Protein backbone atom coordinates (compact mmCIF):
# COMPACT_ATOMS: atom_id res chain seq x y z
CA MET A 1 1.27 -19.77 8.04
CA LYS A 2 1.16 -20.00 4.32
CA LEU A 3 2.23 -16.65 2.58
CA THR A 4 1.04 -15.43 -0.73
CA ILE A 5 3.13 -12.76 -2.40
CA ILE A 6 1.88 -11.00 -5.53
CA THR A 7 4.00 -8.74 -7.91
CA PRO A 8 2.20 -6.69 -10.46
CA SER A 9 4.48 -5.35 -13.17
CA LEU A 10 4.67 -3.60 -16.51
CA ASN A 11 7.91 -2.93 -18.45
CA GLN A 12 10.10 -2.96 -15.24
CA ALA A 13 12.84 -5.36 -16.58
CA ALA A 14 15.51 -3.18 -15.11
CA TYR A 15 14.32 -3.86 -11.58
CA LEU A 16 12.18 -7.06 -11.84
CA GLU A 17 14.83 -9.79 -11.24
CA ARG A 18 15.96 -7.92 -8.04
CA THR A 19 12.32 -8.14 -6.91
CA LEU A 20 11.95 -11.79 -7.72
CA ALA A 21 15.07 -12.66 -5.73
CA SER A 22 14.03 -10.59 -2.68
CA VAL A 23 10.89 -12.93 -2.54
CA LEU A 24 12.45 -16.19 -3.45
CA ASP A 25 15.60 -15.86 -1.49
CA GLN A 26 13.76 -15.30 1.76
CA GLY A 27 13.62 -19.15 1.93
CA TYR A 28 10.18 -18.88 3.49
CA GLU A 29 7.89 -21.95 3.27
CA PRO A 30 5.06 -22.45 2.51
CA LEU A 31 5.14 -19.66 -0.07
CA GLU A 32 2.80 -18.91 -2.85
CA TYR A 33 4.31 -16.40 -5.48
CA PHE A 34 2.39 -14.84 -8.20
CA VAL A 35 3.58 -12.31 -10.88
CA VAL A 36 1.01 -10.65 -13.00
CA ASP A 37 2.65 -8.82 -15.88
CA GLY A 38 0.64 -6.35 -17.90
CA GLY A 39 1.96 -7.31 -21.27
CA SER A 40 5.58 -6.09 -21.10
CA THR A 41 7.65 -5.55 -24.14
CA ASP A 42 11.01 -4.73 -22.43
CA GLY A 43 12.35 -8.16 -21.88
CA SER A 44 10.42 -8.72 -18.66
CA VAL A 45 8.75 -11.94 -20.10
CA ASP A 46 12.30 -13.49 -20.79
CA ILE A 47 13.05 -12.89 -17.10
CA LEU A 48 9.79 -14.40 -15.89
CA ARG A 49 10.44 -17.48 -18.27
CA ARG A 50 13.73 -18.09 -16.40
CA TYR A 51 12.17 -18.18 -13.19
CA ASP A 52 9.16 -20.14 -14.39
CA GLU A 53 9.91 -23.25 -12.18
CA ARG A 54 10.13 -21.03 -9.00
CA LEU A 55 6.93 -19.15 -9.45
CA THR A 56 3.58 -20.52 -8.41
CA TRP A 57 1.89 -18.77 -11.39
CA TRP A 58 2.58 -15.84 -13.68
CA VAL A 59 0.99 -14.35 -16.73
CA SER A 60 1.82 -11.63 -19.09
CA GLU A 61 -1.29 -10.09 -20.82
CA PRO A 62 -2.96 -6.63 -21.09
CA ASP A 63 -4.84 -5.63 -18.13
CA LYS A 64 -6.74 -2.68 -16.90
CA GLY A 65 -4.03 -1.50 -14.45
CA GLN A 66 -2.34 -2.33 -11.32
CA THR A 67 -5.53 -3.00 -9.21
CA ASP A 68 -6.95 -5.24 -11.96
CA ALA A 69 -3.69 -7.21 -11.88
CA LEU A 70 -3.56 -7.44 -8.06
CA ASN A 71 -7.24 -8.52 -7.84
CA LYS A 72 -6.66 -11.14 -10.62
CA ALA A 73 -4.02 -12.72 -8.34
CA LEU A 74 -5.83 -12.16 -5.18
CA LYS A 75 -8.81 -14.29 -6.49
CA ARG A 76 -6.25 -17.15 -6.89
CA ALA A 77 -4.62 -16.81 -3.58
CA THR A 78 -4.71 -19.52 -0.94
CA GLY A 79 -2.29 -18.08 1.65
CA ASP A 80 -3.18 -17.36 5.13
CA VAL A 81 -1.26 -14.08 4.82
CA ILE A 82 -1.14 -11.99 1.62
CA ALA A 83 1.30 -9.13 0.65
CA TYR A 84 2.29 -7.40 -2.70
CA ILE A 85 5.48 -5.85 -3.69
CA ASN A 86 5.77 -3.80 -6.85
CA SER A 87 8.44 -4.87 -9.42
CA ASP A 88 10.76 -1.92 -8.68
CA ASP A 89 10.73 -2.47 -4.86
CA TYR A 90 12.13 -5.27 -2.89
CA TYR A 91 11.90 -7.18 0.53
CA LEU A 92 14.65 -7.15 3.01
CA PRO A 93 16.17 -10.45 4.37
CA GLY A 94 13.91 -11.85 7.21
CA ALA A 95 10.85 -9.84 6.39
CA PHE A 96 8.54 -12.77 5.84
CA GLU A 97 9.55 -14.34 9.09
CA ALA A 98 9.25 -11.07 11.01
CA ALA A 99 5.66 -10.37 9.56
CA THR A 100 4.28 -13.87 10.03
CA ALA A 101 5.70 -14.29 13.52
CA ALA A 102 4.15 -10.88 14.53
CA LEU A 103 0.74 -12.10 13.27
CA GLN A 104 1.19 -15.54 14.92
CA ALA A 105 1.99 -13.89 18.23
CA ASN A 106 -0.97 -11.41 17.96
CA PRO A 107 -3.96 -13.42 16.79
CA ASP A 108 -6.34 -10.61 17.19
CA ALA A 109 -4.32 -8.45 14.69
CA ASN A 110 -5.59 -8.76 10.96
CA TRP A 111 -2.59 -6.85 9.38
CA VAL A 112 0.94 -6.01 10.19
CA VAL A 113 3.23 -3.20 8.93
CA GLY A 114 6.84 -2.89 9.46
CA GLN A 115 9.26 -0.06 8.64
CA CYS A 116 9.86 0.74 4.95
CA VAL A 117 13.20 2.20 3.66
CA PHE A 118 12.71 4.68 0.76
CA ILE A 119 15.72 5.14 -1.57
CA LEU A 120 15.73 8.16 -3.76
CA GLY A 121 17.12 6.99 -7.15
CA ASP A 122 18.70 10.23 -8.16
CA THR A 123 20.69 10.75 -5.04
CA GLY A 124 20.64 7.46 -3.23
CA GLU A 125 19.30 9.21 -0.13
CA ARG A 126 17.75 6.70 2.37
CA VAL A 127 14.59 7.77 4.28
CA VAL A 128 12.74 5.43 6.67
CA TRP A 129 9.12 5.49 7.12
CA LYS A 130 8.16 4.10 10.49
CA PRO A 131 4.39 3.31 10.49
CA GLU A 132 2.13 4.83 13.08
CA GLN A 133 -1.44 4.25 14.32
CA PRO A 134 -3.89 6.99 13.18
CA LYS A 135 -4.31 9.76 15.57
CA ARG A 136 -6.79 12.59 16.30
CA MET A 137 -10.52 12.55 15.27
CA ARG A 138 -11.34 9.86 12.49
CA SER A 139 -12.58 12.67 10.23
CA THR A 140 -8.97 13.79 9.89
CA TRP A 141 -8.04 10.20 8.87
CA VAL A 142 -9.94 10.96 5.73
CA LEU A 143 -9.24 14.57 5.26
CA ALA A 144 -5.57 14.39 5.56
CA PRO A 145 -5.35 10.62 4.61
CA TRP A 146 -3.66 8.46 7.17
CA GLY A 147 -1.58 5.73 5.68
CA VAL A 148 1.16 3.23 6.13
CA PRO A 149 3.98 2.04 3.88
CA GLN A 150 2.44 -0.51 1.46
CA ALA A 151 5.65 -2.31 0.61
CA SER A 152 6.05 -3.38 4.29
CA THR A 153 2.40 -4.39 4.83
CA PHE A 154 0.97 -7.90 5.28
CA TRP A 155 -2.64 -8.76 5.45
CA ARG A 156 -4.59 -11.79 6.74
CA ARG A 157 -6.70 -13.13 3.97
CA GLU A 158 -9.81 -12.73 6.07
CA VAL A 159 -9.75 -9.01 5.64
CA PHE A 160 -10.27 -9.42 1.78
CA ASP A 161 -12.95 -11.87 2.38
CA GLU A 162 -14.75 -9.40 4.86
CA LEU A 163 -14.15 -6.06 3.11
CA GLY A 164 -13.47 -6.83 -0.47
CA LEU A 165 -10.66 -6.40 -2.87
CA PHE A 166 -8.79 -3.34 -4.08
CA ARG A 167 -10.77 -0.64 -5.73
CA GLU A 168 -10.30 -1.04 -9.50
CA ASP A 169 -11.41 2.61 -10.12
CA MET A 170 -8.39 3.86 -8.25
CA HIS A 171 -4.90 3.50 -9.58
CA TYR A 172 -2.72 5.54 -7.12
CA THR A 173 -4.25 5.73 -3.69
CA PHE A 174 -5.99 2.25 -3.58
CA ASP A 175 -3.67 1.00 -0.93
CA THR A 176 -4.38 3.95 1.28
CA GLU A 177 -8.08 3.56 0.64
CA PHE A 178 -7.95 -0.04 1.64
CA GLY A 179 -5.98 0.85 4.80
CA LEU A 180 -8.64 3.36 5.76
CA ARG A 181 -11.38 0.92 4.98
CA LEU A 182 -9.97 -1.57 7.51
CA ALA A 183 -9.15 1.09 10.03
CA LEU A 184 -12.67 2.63 9.88
CA HIS A 185 -14.08 -0.85 10.32
CA GLY A 186 -12.01 -1.28 13.43
CA HIS A 187 -9.25 -3.23 12.03
CA MET A 188 -6.18 -1.34 13.35
CA PRO A 189 -2.71 -2.48 12.12
CA LEU A 190 -0.18 -4.02 14.21
CA THR A 191 3.08 -1.97 13.84
CA ILE A 192 6.53 -3.51 14.20
CA ASP A 193 9.98 -2.15 14.26
CA PRO A 194 11.98 -4.22 11.65
CA GLU A 195 12.61 -2.85 8.31
CA LEU A 196 10.76 -5.11 6.06
CA ALA A 197 11.18 -3.62 2.53
CA VAL A 198 12.69 -1.06 0.33
CA ARG A 199 10.71 1.37 -1.85
CA PHE A 200 12.96 2.48 -4.75
CA GLU A 201 11.87 6.04 -6.00
CA HIS A 202 12.84 6.64 -9.55
CA LYS A 203 11.68 9.04 -12.30
CA GLU A 204 9.91 6.26 -14.22
CA ALA A 205 8.07 5.15 -11.14
CA LYS A 206 4.30 5.40 -11.16
CA SER A 207 4.43 7.29 -7.78
CA ALA A 208 6.90 9.80 -8.96
CA ASP A 209 4.22 12.39 -9.98
CA ARG A 210 2.30 13.02 -6.70
CA SER A 211 -0.04 15.24 -8.44
CA ARG A 212 -1.88 12.13 -9.84
CA TRP A 213 -2.88 11.16 -6.30
CA ALA A 214 -4.76 14.28 -5.51
CA ALA A 215 -7.88 13.64 -7.37
CA GLU A 216 -8.33 10.04 -5.91
CA GLU A 217 -7.64 11.28 -2.41
CA ALA A 218 -10.18 14.06 -2.81
CA ARG A 219 -12.81 11.22 -3.18
CA PHE A 220 -12.21 9.89 0.27
CA PRO A 221 -14.71 12.01 2.40
CA GLU A 222 -17.57 10.88 0.15
CA LEU A 223 -16.42 7.28 0.00
CA PHE A 224 -16.07 6.99 3.76
CA ALA A 225 -18.86 9.41 5.04
CA GLY A 226 -21.12 6.47 5.63
CA LEU A 227 -18.49 5.02 8.02
CA LEU A 228 -18.31 8.22 10.16
CA THR A 229 -20.63 9.22 12.93
CA PRO A 230 -22.84 12.30 12.40
CA ALA A 231 -20.64 14.17 14.65
CA GLU A 232 -17.54 13.18 12.54
CA ARG A 233 -19.31 14.12 9.42
CA ALA A 234 -20.13 17.49 10.92
CA ALA A 235 -16.58 17.89 11.96
CA MET A 236 -15.55 17.56 8.29
CA GLN A 237 -17.97 20.24 7.21
CA VAL A 238 -16.69 22.53 10.14
CA ALA A 239 -13.14 22.02 8.52
CA ARG A 240 -14.32 23.14 5.22
CA VAL A 241 -15.90 26.26 6.69
CA ALA A 242 -12.80 26.93 8.73
CA ASP A 243 -10.62 26.67 5.53
CA ARG A 244 -12.75 29.14 3.65
CA ALA A 245 -12.33 31.52 6.66
CA GLY A 246 -8.61 31.15 6.54
CA TRP A 247 -8.27 29.40 9.83
CA PHE A 248 -5.95 26.67 8.47
CA ARG A 249 -3.64 29.27 6.94
CA LEU A 250 -3.17 30.57 10.42
CA MET A 251 -2.73 27.19 11.94
CA GLU A 252 -0.13 26.01 9.55
CA ARG A 253 2.33 28.57 11.09
CA ILE A 254 1.65 26.62 14.51
CA HIS A 255 0.97 23.19 13.38
CA PRO A 256 2.55 22.37 10.03
CA HIS A 257 0.52 19.11 9.57
CA THR A 258 -2.58 21.08 9.15
CA SER A 259 -1.41 21.98 5.57
CA ARG A 260 -2.16 18.48 4.50
CA ILE A 261 -5.88 18.89 5.57
CA ARG A 262 -6.02 22.11 3.71
CA ARG A 263 -4.64 20.75 0.51
CA ARG A 264 -7.30 18.10 0.46
CA LEU A 265 -10.12 20.77 1.10
CA ALA A 266 -8.83 22.88 -1.68
CA LEU A 267 -9.34 20.04 -4.24
């Protein structure tokens, strides 16, 4: 299976070379590797020039953000399987073999997700996110957004052909939105045990300020309402009424996960 890997980047010279090496040192073939730099001024371009012969294609130019950069590369992609890794994250050895082998062994699966290690830059604390299938009613997938670790996710190219590219009007939750789009169209992920990637959390990371995600997640009920049944849409309305009545505040004491739903409804 031909694999396409994409790295979007902007002023991440401190971490970029580690990311590049984690892709190229996998030794996987056939591999297509694109790097889309948004016009960095911190030495990133010098690093990319050193790797020029090992990269399929790279560019450094202003863009409209991460999703614009990713979609620019997706339109060039020719791989059977596609993934992206941010320029401050990195793959673990054997990740590509594990992901592609899982897809080959499960031809009905259109995407695969492995475990992802989160390393907290300030403390070095190591936290592992083990992906799970969405549970409970589909309306709750949207209200308390279900998601999987992006860095350890690999998609067959057919899902992009069928359901489109990443939303360019989202900059923080576009990967969650894409996963929900797939799941609500019946494409559930294949989850596997190996740890495939490391997400490095640091103060300069785009994801460091989680408040930026809230406004985009608040759009999910409207965006996905058309994919829900009338009963599921009614369930969302009931949840809003229940929240106003204080039901979620009571249930948080019994089931802490309900606080996620309530936070979404409060937006």
